[in-house]
Amino acid sequence: MEVVLDTSVVIGFLRAKAPEAAAFRSLLQHHRVYLTAVTGFELEVGLSTRANQSELVEHILEAVEVLSLDVRSARRAGREEARLRREGVPIGMADVLIAGICLEHQKTLVTANAEYSSRVEGMQVLSRDRGGGRATRGVQHRCGDLLRRRAIHSASDPSCAPAPPGCASHSRRI
């Protein structure tokens, strides 16, 4: 399965929140994973308050394919935002842009915030509220299998297995 990780999942991983961190690792191990340029933007903004994670964010953005906000995705997002405004339930600029990218590329969005994505017509969503929790059961984290052999994980996460020799990520708190 090809999935797009919403910013909420990446942030949950960076903060070592159990559900999002487990989902992040599981998805990287078992699926083709994408991010969006909008998520790259949101992560960069977030680094202004968490500068100690800039190297980790850089590794994440380099290790997975990032889907751009092209004209077709932007127009799709614009049509969806206009519809949501008419119905009185807008979801926010970043979220609707991510939705437009996912819809245009026919990808499933993995999010910790299923409420907004459930409003978007035709959106395929995987989340804790809509089945996302099942995807992480029984999956063991193996450093080195993630992000195309990059050791990116949380040393503060108790489900994280001992690091293999040479894994610098375990020596750095997130």
N, C-alpha and C. Protein backbone atom coordinates (compact mmCIF):
# COMPACT_ATOMS: atom_id res chain seq x y z
N MET A 1 0.84 -1.17 0.00
CA MET A 1 0.00 0.00 0.00
C MET A 1 0.89 1.24 0.00
N GLU A 2 0.49 2.24 -0.74
CA GLU A 2 1.19 3.52 -0.77
C GLU A 2 0.42 4.52 0.08
N VAL A 3 1.10 5.13 1.04
CA VAL A 3 0.44 6.03 1.97
C VAL A 3 1.20 7.34 2.09
N VAL A 4 0.46 8.38 2.41
CA VAL A 4 1.03 9.69 2.70
C VAL A 4 0.88 9.91 4.20
N LEU A 5 1.98 10.24 4.86
CA LEU A 5 1.92 10.52 6.29
C LEU A 5 1.58 11.99 6.50
N ASP A 6 0.54 12.22 7.25
CA ASP A 6 0.15 13.57 7.61
C ASP A 6 1.16 14.12 8.62
N THR A 7 1.24 15.41 8.70
CA THR A 7 2.16 16.06 9.62
C THR A 7 1.92 15.59 11.05
N SER A 8 0.67 15.33 11.43
CA SER A 8 0.36 14.89 12.80
C SER A 8 1.07 13.59 13.16
N VAL A 9 1.23 12.69 12.21
CA VAL A 9 1.91 11.42 12.47
C VAL A 9 3.41 11.64 12.63
N VAL A 10 3.99 12.47 11.79
CA VAL A 10 5.42 12.75 11.88
C VAL A 10 5.73 13.47 13.20
N ILE A 11 4.91 14.44 13.57
CA ILE A 11 5.12 15.15 14.83
C ILE A 11 4.96 14.20 16.01
N GLY A 12 3.99 13.31 15.95
CA GLY A 12 3.83 12.32 17.01
C GLY A 12 5.07 11.45 17.15
N PHE A 13 5.66 11.07 16.03
CA PHE A 13 6.91 10.31 16.06
C PHE A 13 8.03 11.13 16.70
N LEU A 14 8.16 12.38 16.27
CA LEU A 14 9.22 13.24 16.80
C LEU A 14 9.08 13.46 18.30
N ARG A 15 7.85 13.51 18.77
CA ARG A 15 7.59 13.72 20.20
C ARG A 15 7.49 12.40 20.96
N ALA A 16 7.70 11.30 20.26
CA ALA A 16 7.64 9.95 20.85
C ALA A 16 6.29 9.64 21.48
N LYS A 17 5.20 10.14 20.86
CA LYS A 17 3.86 9.79 21.31
C LYS A 17 3.58 8.38 20.84
N ALA A 18 3.18 7.52 21.74
CA ALA A 18 3.08 6.09 21.47
C ALA A 18 2.30 5.73 20.20
N PRO A 19 1.04 6.15 20.03
CA PRO A 19 0.31 5.69 18.84
C PRO A 19 0.94 6.15 17.53
N GLU A 20 1.31 7.44 17.46
CA GLU A 20 1.87 7.96 16.21
C GLU A 20 3.26 7.40 15.95
N ALA A 21 4.08 7.27 16.99
CA ALA A 21 5.43 6.73 16.80
C ALA A 21 5.37 5.29 16.32
N ALA A 22 4.48 4.51 16.91
CA ALA A 22 4.34 3.11 16.50
C ALA A 22 3.82 3.01 15.07
N ALA A 23 2.84 3.86 14.74
CA ALA A 23 2.30 3.85 13.38
C ALA A 23 3.37 4.26 12.37
N PHE A 24 4.14 5.28 12.72
CA PHE A 24 5.21 5.78 11.84
C PHE A 24 6.18 4.66 11.52
N ARG A 25 6.66 3.98 12.54
CA ARG A 25 7.63 2.89 12.32
C ARG A 25 7.02 1.75 11.53
N SER A 26 5.82 1.36 11.88
CA SER A 26 5.17 0.25 11.18
C SER A 26 4.96 0.56 9.70
N LEU A 27 4.49 1.74 9.42
CA LEU A 27 4.25 2.12 8.03
C LEU A 27 5.53 2.14 7.23
N LEU A 28 6.60 2.65 7.82
CA LEU A 28 7.88 2.70 7.11
C LEU A 28 8.39 1.30 6.79
N GLN A 29 8.09 0.37 7.66
CA GLN A 29 8.56 -1.00 7.45
C GLN A 29 7.75 -1.76 6.42
N HIS A 30 6.47 -1.45 6.33
CA HIS A 30 5.58 -2.32 5.56
C HIS A 30 4.90 -1.68 4.35
N HIS A 31 5.10 -0.39 4.13
CA HIS A 31 4.41 0.28 3.05
C HIS A 31 5.33 1.26 2.34
N ARG A 32 4.94 1.66 1.15
CA ARG A 32 5.63 2.74 0.46
C ARG A 32 5.09 4.04 1.04
N VAL A 33 5.96 4.84 1.61
CA VAL A 33 5.56 6.02 2.36
C VAL A 33 5.98 7.30 1.64
N TYR A 34 5.08 8.27 1.64
CA TYR A 34 5.32 9.58 1.08
C TYR A 34 5.02 10.65 2.13
N LEU A 35 5.58 11.80 1.94
CA LEU A 35 5.20 13.01 2.65
C LEU A 35 4.78 14.02 1.59
N THR A 36 4.22 15.14 2.02
CA THR A 36 3.90 16.20 1.07
C THR A 36 4.80 17.39 1.33
N ALA A 37 4.92 18.25 0.33
CA ALA A 37 5.68 19.49 0.49
C ALA A 37 5.07 20.34 1.60
N VAL A 38 3.76 20.24 1.79
CA VAL A 38 3.10 20.99 2.86
C VAL A 38 3.58 20.49 4.22
N THR A 39 3.73 19.19 4.37
CA THR A 39 4.27 18.65 5.62
C THR A 39 5.70 19.13 5.82
N GLY A 40 6.49 19.18 4.76
CA GLY A 40 7.84 19.72 4.86
C GLY A 40 7.82 21.15 5.39
N PHE A 41 6.90 21.95 4.88
CA PHE A 41 6.73 23.32 5.35
C PHE A 41 6.36 23.35 6.83
N GLU A 42 5.37 22.56 7.21
CA GLU A 42 4.92 22.55 8.60
C GLU A 42 6.02 22.08 9.55
N LEU A 43 6.80 21.10 9.13
CA LEU A 43 7.91 20.63 9.97
C LEU A 43 8.98 21.71 10.12
N GLU A 44 9.25 22.42 9.05
CA GLU A 44 10.24 23.50 9.11
C GLU A 44 9.79 24.60 10.07
N VAL A 45 8.52 24.96 10.02
CA VAL A 45 7.98 25.95 10.95
C VAL A 45 8.13 25.44 12.38
N GLY A 46 7.84 24.18 12.60
CA GLY A 46 7.94 23.59 13.93
C GLY A 46 9.35 23.56 14.47
N LEU A 47 10.33 23.52 13.59
CA LEU A 47 11.72 23.50 14.05
C LEU A 47 12.12 24.79 14.74
N SER A 48 11.36 25.85 14.53
CA SER A 48 11.68 27.11 15.20
C SER A 48 11.57 26.98 16.71
N THR A 49 10.79 26.02 17.18
CA THR A 49 10.66 25.78 18.62
C THR A 49 11.37 24.51 19.07
N ARG A 50 11.84 23.70 18.11
CA ARG A 50 12.51 22.44 18.45
C ARG A 50 13.73 22.25 17.57
N ALA A 51 14.62 23.20 17.59
CA ALA A 51 15.79 23.20 16.71
C ALA A 51 16.67 21.97 16.90
N ASN A 52 16.62 21.35 18.06
CA ASN A 52 17.45 20.16 18.30
C ASN A 52 17.04 18.98 17.43
N GLN A 53 15.93 19.07 16.73
CA GLN A 53 15.47 17.97 15.88
C GLN A 53 15.70 18.23 14.40
N SER A 54 16.42 19.28 14.07
CA SER A 54 16.56 19.63 12.66
C SER A 54 17.25 18.53 11.86
N GLU A 55 18.26 17.87 12.42
CA GLU A 55 18.94 16.79 11.71
C GLU A 55 18.00 15.62 11.46
N LEU A 56 17.21 15.28 12.45
CA LEU A 56 16.25 14.18 12.30
C LEU A 56 15.20 14.50 11.25
N VAL A 57 14.68 15.70 11.27
CA VAL A 57 13.70 16.12 10.26
C VAL A 57 14.33 16.07 8.87
N GLU A 58 15.57 16.53 8.76
CA GLU A 58 16.27 16.48 7.48
C GLU A 58 16.39 15.05 6.96
N HIS A 59 16.73 14.12 7.85
CA HIS A 59 16.83 12.70 7.46
C HIS A 59 15.48 12.18 6.97
N ILE A 60 14.43 12.52 7.66
CA ILE A 60 13.10 12.06 7.27
C ILE A 60 12.74 12.59 5.89
N LEU A 61 12.96 13.88 5.66
CA LEU A 61 12.61 14.49 4.38
C LEU A 61 13.47 13.97 3.23
N GLU A 62 14.69 13.58 3.52
CA GLU A 62 15.56 13.02 2.48
C GLU A 62 15.25 11.56 2.18
N ALA A 63 14.72 10.86 3.16
CA ALA A 63 14.57 9.41 3.04
C ALA A 63 13.28 8.96 2.37
N VAL A 64 12.27 9.81 2.34
CA VAL A 64 11.01 9.42 1.70
C VAL A 64 10.72 10.37 0.56
N GLU A 65 9.94 9.90 -0.38
CA GLU A 65 9.56 10.74 -1.50
C GLU A 65 8.58 11.81 -1.03
N VAL A 66 8.82 13.03 -1.44
CA VAL A 66 7.95 14.15 -1.08
C VAL A 66 7.12 14.54 -2.30
N LEU A 67 5.81 14.51 -2.14
CA LEU A 67 4.90 14.88 -3.22
C LEU A 67 4.71 16.39 -3.22
N SER A 68 4.90 17.00 -4.38
CA SER A 68 4.82 18.45 -4.50
C SER A 68 3.38 18.93 -4.60
N LEU A 69 3.22 20.19 -4.30
CA LEU A 69 1.94 20.86 -4.53
C LEU A 69 2.00 21.45 -5.93
N ASP A 70 1.53 20.68 -6.90
CA ASP A 70 1.53 21.16 -8.28
C ASP A 70 0.18 21.84 -8.57
N VAL A 71 0.03 22.35 -9.77
CA VAL A 71 -1.17 23.09 -10.12
C VAL A 71 -2.42 22.22 -10.02
N ARG A 72 -2.35 20.99 -10.47
CA ARG A 72 -3.53 20.10 -10.41
C ARG A 72 -3.93 19.83 -8.96
N SER A 73 -2.95 19.57 -8.10
CA SER A 73 -3.25 19.33 -6.69
C SER A 73 -3.81 20.59 -6.03
N ALA A 74 -3.25 21.74 -6.37
CA ALA A 74 -3.71 23.01 -5.81
C ALA A 74 -5.14 23.31 -6.23
N ARG A 75 -5.45 23.07 -7.49
CA ARG A 75 -6.81 23.32 -7.97
C ARG A 75 -7.81 22.36 -7.33
N ARG A 76 -7.38 21.11 -7.17
CA ARG A 76 -8.25 20.13 -6.50
C ARG A 76 -8.51 20.57 -5.06
N ALA A 77 -7.47 21.02 -4.38
CA ALA A 77 -7.62 21.51 -3.01
C ALA A 77 -8.52 22.74 -2.97
N GLY A 78 -8.35 23.61 -3.94
CA GLY A 78 -9.18 24.82 -4.01
C GLY A 78 -10.66 24.50 -4.16
N ARG A 79 -10.97 23.55 -5.04
CA ARG A 79 -12.38 23.14 -5.23
C ARG A 79 -12.93 22.55 -3.93
N GLU A 80 -12.11 21.75 -3.26
CA GLU A 80 -12.56 21.12 -2.02
C GLU A 80 -12.75 22.17 -0.92
N GLU A 81 -11.83 23.12 -0.81
CA GLU A 81 -11.95 24.19 0.19
C GLU A 81 -13.20 25.02 -0.07
N ALA A 82 -13.49 25.33 -1.33
CA ALA A 82 -14.69 26.10 -1.66
C ALA A 82 -15.94 25.33 -1.24
N ARG A 83 -15.98 24.05 -1.52
CA ARG A 83 -17.14 23.23 -1.12
C ARG A 83 -17.29 23.21 0.40
N LEU A 84 -16.18 23.00 1.12
CA LEU A 84 -16.23 22.95 2.58
C LEU A 84 -16.67 24.28 3.17
N ARG A 85 -16.24 25.38 2.58
CA ARG A 85 -16.67 26.71 3.06
C ARG A 85 -18.16 26.90 2.84
N ARG A 86 -18.66 26.48 1.66
CA ARG A 86 -20.10 26.59 1.40
C ARG A 86 -20.89 25.81 2.44
N GLU A 87 -20.36 24.67 2.86
CA GLU A 87 -21.04 23.84 3.86
C GLU A 87 -20.78 24.30 5.29
N GLY A 88 -19.91 25.30 5.45
CA GLY A 88 -19.61 25.84 6.77
C GLY A 88 -18.69 24.98 7.62
N VAL A 89 -17.87 24.12 6.97
CA VAL A 89 -16.97 23.23 7.71
C VAL A 89 -15.56 23.22 7.12
N PRO A 90 -14.94 24.40 6.96
CA PRO A 90 -13.57 24.41 6.42
C PRO A 90 -12.62 23.67 7.36
N ILE A 91 -11.50 23.19 6.80
CA ILE A 91 -10.58 22.38 7.61
C ILE A 91 -9.22 23.03 7.78
N GLY A 92 -8.97 24.15 7.19
CA GLY A 92 -7.67 24.81 7.31
C GLY A 92 -6.85 24.63 6.05
N MET A 93 -6.07 25.64 5.77
CA MET A 93 -5.32 25.68 4.52
C MET A 93 -4.35 24.51 4.36
N ALA A 94 -3.51 24.26 5.34
CA ALA A 94 -2.52 23.18 5.21
C ALA A 94 -3.20 21.84 5.01
N ASP A 95 -4.25 21.59 5.78
CA ASP A 95 -4.93 20.30 5.69
C ASP A 95 -5.61 20.09 4.34
N VAL A 96 -6.22 21.13 3.80
CA VAL A 96 -6.89 20.98 2.51
C VAL A 96 -5.85 20.85 1.39
N LEU A 97 -4.69 21.49 1.53
CA LEU A 97 -3.64 21.32 0.52
C LEU A 97 -3.10 19.89 0.54
N ILE A 98 -2.89 19.33 1.72
CA ILE A 98 -2.46 17.93 1.84
C ILE A 98 -3.52 17.02 1.23
N ALA A 99 -4.78 17.31 1.50
CA ALA A 99 -5.87 16.51 0.93
C ALA A 99 -5.85 16.58 -0.59
N GLY A 100 -5.66 17.78 -1.14
CA GLY A 100 -5.60 17.92 -2.60
C GLY A 100 -4.48 17.10 -3.22
N ILE A 101 -3.33 17.09 -2.57
CA ILE A 101 -2.19 16.29 -3.05
C ILE A 101 -2.54 14.82 -3.00
N CYS A 102 -3.11 14.36 -1.89
CA CYS A 102 -3.46 12.95 -1.76
C CYS A 102 -4.51 12.53 -2.79
N LEU A 103 -5.51 13.37 -2.98
CA LEU A 103 -6.56 13.05 -3.95
C LEU A 103 -5.99 12.99 -5.36
N GLU A 104 -5.16 13.95 -5.72
CA GLU A 104 -4.61 14.01 -7.07
C GLU A 104 -3.69 12.83 -7.35
N HIS A 105 -2.97 12.38 -6.34
CA HIS A 105 -2.04 11.25 -6.51
C HIS A 105 -2.66 9.91 -6.14
N GLN A 106 -3.93 9.92 -5.74
CA GLN A 106 -4.67 8.72 -5.37
C GLN A 106 -3.94 7.93 -4.28
N LYS A 107 -3.59 8.62 -3.22
CA LYS A 107 -2.89 8.01 -2.09
C LYS A 107 -3.76 8.07 -0.84
N THR A 108 -3.56 7.11 0.03
CA THR A 108 -4.24 7.07 1.31
C THR A 108 -3.49 7.96 2.29
N LEU A 109 -4.21 8.75 3.05
CA LEU A 109 -3.61 9.62 4.04
C LEU A 109 -3.64 8.92 5.40
N VAL A 110 -2.51 8.87 6.06
CA VAL A 110 -2.43 8.35 7.43
C VAL A 110 -2.32 9.56 8.34
N THR A 111 -3.26 9.68 9.26
CA THR A 111 -3.33 10.86 10.10
C THR A 111 -3.76 10.52 11.52
N ALA A 112 -3.38 11.36 12.45
CA ALA A 112 -3.87 11.26 13.82
C ALA A 112 -5.11 12.13 13.98
N ASN A 113 -5.52 12.82 12.92
CA ASN A 113 -6.63 13.76 12.94
C ASN A 113 -7.65 13.39 11.86
N ALA A 114 -8.40 12.34 12.11
CA ALA A 114 -9.34 11.86 11.09
C ALA A 114 -10.53 12.78 10.90
N GLU A 115 -10.80 13.65 11.86
CA GLU A 115 -11.97 14.51 11.76
C GLU A 115 -11.96 15.36 10.50
N TYR A 116 -10.84 16.03 10.23
CA TYR A 116 -10.82 16.91 9.06
C TYR A 116 -10.88 16.12 7.77
N SER A 117 -10.15 15.03 7.70
CA SER A 117 -10.08 14.30 6.45
C SER A 117 -11.37 13.57 6.13
N SER A 118 -12.20 13.31 7.14
CA SER A 118 -13.48 12.65 6.87
C SER A 118 -14.44 13.59 6.16
N ARG A 119 -14.17 14.88 6.18
CA ARG A 119 -15.01 15.86 5.50
C ARG A 119 -14.68 15.98 4.02
N VAL A 120 -13.54 15.49 3.61
CA VAL A 120 -13.08 15.64 2.24
C VAL A 120 -13.64 14.49 1.39
N GLU A 121 -14.39 14.85 0.36
CA GLU A 121 -15.02 13.84 -0.49
C GLU A 121 -13.98 13.02 -1.24
N GLY A 122 -14.15 11.70 -1.21
CA GLY A 122 -13.27 10.81 -1.95
C GLY A 122 -11.94 10.52 -1.29
N MET A 123 -11.73 11.06 -0.11
CA MET A 123 -10.45 10.91 0.59
C MET A 123 -10.35 9.53 1.25
N GLN A 124 -9.25 8.84 0.99
CA GLN A 124 -8.98 7.57 1.66
C GLN A 124 -8.11 7.89 2.87
N VAL A 125 -8.58 7.48 4.05
CA VAL A 125 -7.92 7.86 5.29
C VAL A 125 -7.70 6.63 6.16
N LEU A 126 -6.53 6.59 6.77
CA LEU A 126 -6.21 5.55 7.76
C LEU A 126 -5.82 6.29 9.03
N SER A 127 -6.52 6.00 10.12
CA SER A 127 -6.22 6.65 11.39
C SER A 127 -6.66 5.74 12.53
N ARG A 128 -6.31 6.12 13.74
CA ARG A 128 -6.74 5.33 14.90
C ARG A 128 -8.25 5.23 14.94
N ASP A 129 -8.92 6.30 14.58
CA ASP A 129 -10.38 6.32 14.64
C ASP A 129 -11.03 5.50 13.53
N ARG A 130 -10.26 5.27 12.45
CA ARG A 130 -10.85 4.58 11.30
C ARG A 130 -10.02 3.38 10.88
N GLY A 131 -9.41 2.69 11.87
CA GLY A 131 -8.69 1.47 11.55
C GLY A 131 -7.20 1.56 11.61
N GLY A 132 -6.64 2.75 11.84
CA GLY A 132 -5.20 2.91 11.82
C GLY A 132 -4.47 2.13 12.89
N GLY A 133 -5.12 1.93 14.05
CA GLY A 133 -4.47 1.21 15.12
C GLY A 133 -4.15 -0.22 14.76
N ARG A 134 -4.96 -0.83 13.92
CA ARG A 134 -4.72 -2.22 13.55
C ARG A 134 -3.41 -2.39 12.78
N ALA A 135 -3.01 -1.39 12.08
CA ALA A 135 -1.82 -1.52 11.24
C ALA A 135 -0.54 -1.66 12.04
N THR A 136 -0.57 -1.32 13.33
CA THR A 136 0.66 -1.33 14.11
C THR A 136 0.78 -2.55 15.01
N ARG A 137 -0.21 -3.39 15.11
CA ARG A 137 -0.15 -4.53 16.02
C ARG A 137 0.91 -5.53 15.62
N GLY A 138 1.66 -5.98 16.60
CA GLY A 138 2.62 -7.05 16.39
C GLY A 138 3.84 -6.68 15.58
N VAL A 139 4.05 -5.42 15.33
CA VAL A 139 5.20 -5.01 14.52
C VAL A 139 6.35 -4.66 15.45
N GLN A 140 7.49 -5.22 15.22
CA GLN A 140 8.68 -4.92 16.01
C GLN A 140 9.53 -3.91 15.26
N HIS A 141 10.06 -2.96 16.00
CA HIS A 141 10.92 -1.94 15.41
C HIS A 141 12.33 -2.50 15.26
N ARG A 142 12.90 -2.37 14.10
CA ARG A 142 14.28 -2.79 13.86
C ARG A 142 15.03 -1.61 13.28
N CYS A 143 15.93 -1.07 14.06
CA CYS A 143 16.74 0.05 13.60
C CYS A 143 17.50 -0.41 12.35
N GLY A 144 17.56 0.42 11.36
CA GLY A 144 18.25 0.07 10.13
C GLY A 144 17.28 -0.35 9.03
N ASP A 145 16.10 -0.88 9.40
CA ASP A 145 15.10 -1.22 8.41
C ASP A 145 14.28 -0.01 8.02
N LEU A 146 14.38 1.04 8.82
CA LEU A 146 13.54 2.20 8.61
C LEU A 146 14.19 3.20 7.66
N LEU A 147 13.32 3.91 6.98
CA LEU A 147 13.75 5.01 6.12
C LEU A 147 14.94 4.65 5.26
N ARG A 148 14.76 3.54 4.53
CA ARG A 148 15.80 3.09 3.59
C ARG A 148 17.15 2.99 4.26
N ARG A 149 17.15 2.23 5.34
CA ARG A 149 18.37 1.89 6.08
C ARG A 149 18.91 3.02 6.95
N ARG A 150 18.17 4.09 7.13
CA ARG A 150 18.61 5.16 8.03
C ARG A 150 18.06 4.84 9.42
N ALA A 151 18.86 5.04 10.42
CA ALA A 151 18.45 4.77 11.80
C ALA A 151 17.77 6.00 12.38
N ILE A 152 16.47 6.08 12.18
CA ILE A 152 15.71 7.21 12.67
C ILE A 152 14.61 6.67 13.56
N HIS A 153 14.68 6.99 14.80
CA HIS A 153 13.70 6.53 15.76
C HIS A 153 13.92 7.28 17.05
N SER A 154 13.10 7.00 18.01
CA SER A 154 13.17 7.73 19.26
C SER A 154 13.84 6.91 20.34
N ALA A 155 14.92 7.40 20.88
CA ALA A 155 15.61 6.72 21.96
C ALA A 155 14.75 6.70 23.21
N SER A 156 13.79 7.62 23.33
CA SER A 156 12.94 7.65 24.51
C SER A 156 11.73 6.74 24.38
N ASP A 157 11.56 6.10 23.24
CA ASP A 157 10.43 5.20 23.01
C ASP A 157 10.77 3.82 23.54
N PRO A 158 10.02 3.33 24.56
CA PRO A 158 10.34 2.04 25.16
C PRO A 158 10.17 0.85 24.21
N SER A 159 9.42 1.02 23.12
CA SER A 159 9.26 -0.09 22.18
C SER A 159 10.41 -0.17 21.19
N CYS A 160 11.31 0.78 21.25
CA CYS A 160 12.43 0.81 20.33
C CYS A 160 13.47 -0.21 20.79
N ALA A 161 13.83 -1.11 19.92
CA ALA A 161 14.78 -2.17 20.25
C ALA A 161 16.17 -1.60 20.45
N PRO A 162 17.06 -2.33 21.10
CA PRO A 162 18.44 -1.85 21.26
C PRO A 162 19.06 -1.53 19.89
N ALA A 163 19.87 -0.52 19.89
CA ALA A 163 20.47 -0.06 18.64
C ALA A 163 21.57 -1.00 18.18
N PRO A 164 21.70 -1.19 16.90
CA PRO A 164 22.83 -1.95 16.37
C PRO A 164 24.09 -1.10 16.47
N PRO A 165 25.25 -1.71 16.37
CA PRO A 165 26.49 -0.95 16.44
C PRO A 165 26.50 0.19 15.40
N GLY A 166 26.96 1.33 15.83
CA GLY A 166 27.09 2.45 14.91
C GLY A 166 25.83 3.28 14.73
N CYS A 167 24.78 2.99 15.46
CA CYS A 167 23.54 3.74 15.32
C CYS A 167 23.62 4.97 16.21
N ALA A 168 23.86 6.12 15.61
CA ALA A 168 24.02 7.37 16.36
C ALA A 168 22.71 7.90 16.89
N SER A 169 21.60 7.50 16.30
CA SER A 169 20.32 8.07 16.72
C SER A 169 19.96 7.71 18.15
N HIS A 170 20.40 6.54 18.62
CA HIS A 170 20.07 6.16 19.99
C HIS A 170 20.79 6.99 21.02
N SER A 171 21.89 7.59 20.65
CA SER A 171 22.66 8.36 21.62
C SER A 171 22.13 9.78 21.75
N ARG A 172 21.15 10.14 20.94
CA ARG A 172 20.61 11.50 20.93
C ARG A 172 19.16 11.45 21.37
N ARG A 173 18.82 12.23 22.41
CA ARG A 173 17.43 12.31 22.83
C ARG A 173 16.65 13.20 21.89
N ILE A 174 15.44 12.82 21.63
CA ILE A 174 14.60 13.57 20.70
C ILE A 174 13.72 14.53 21.49
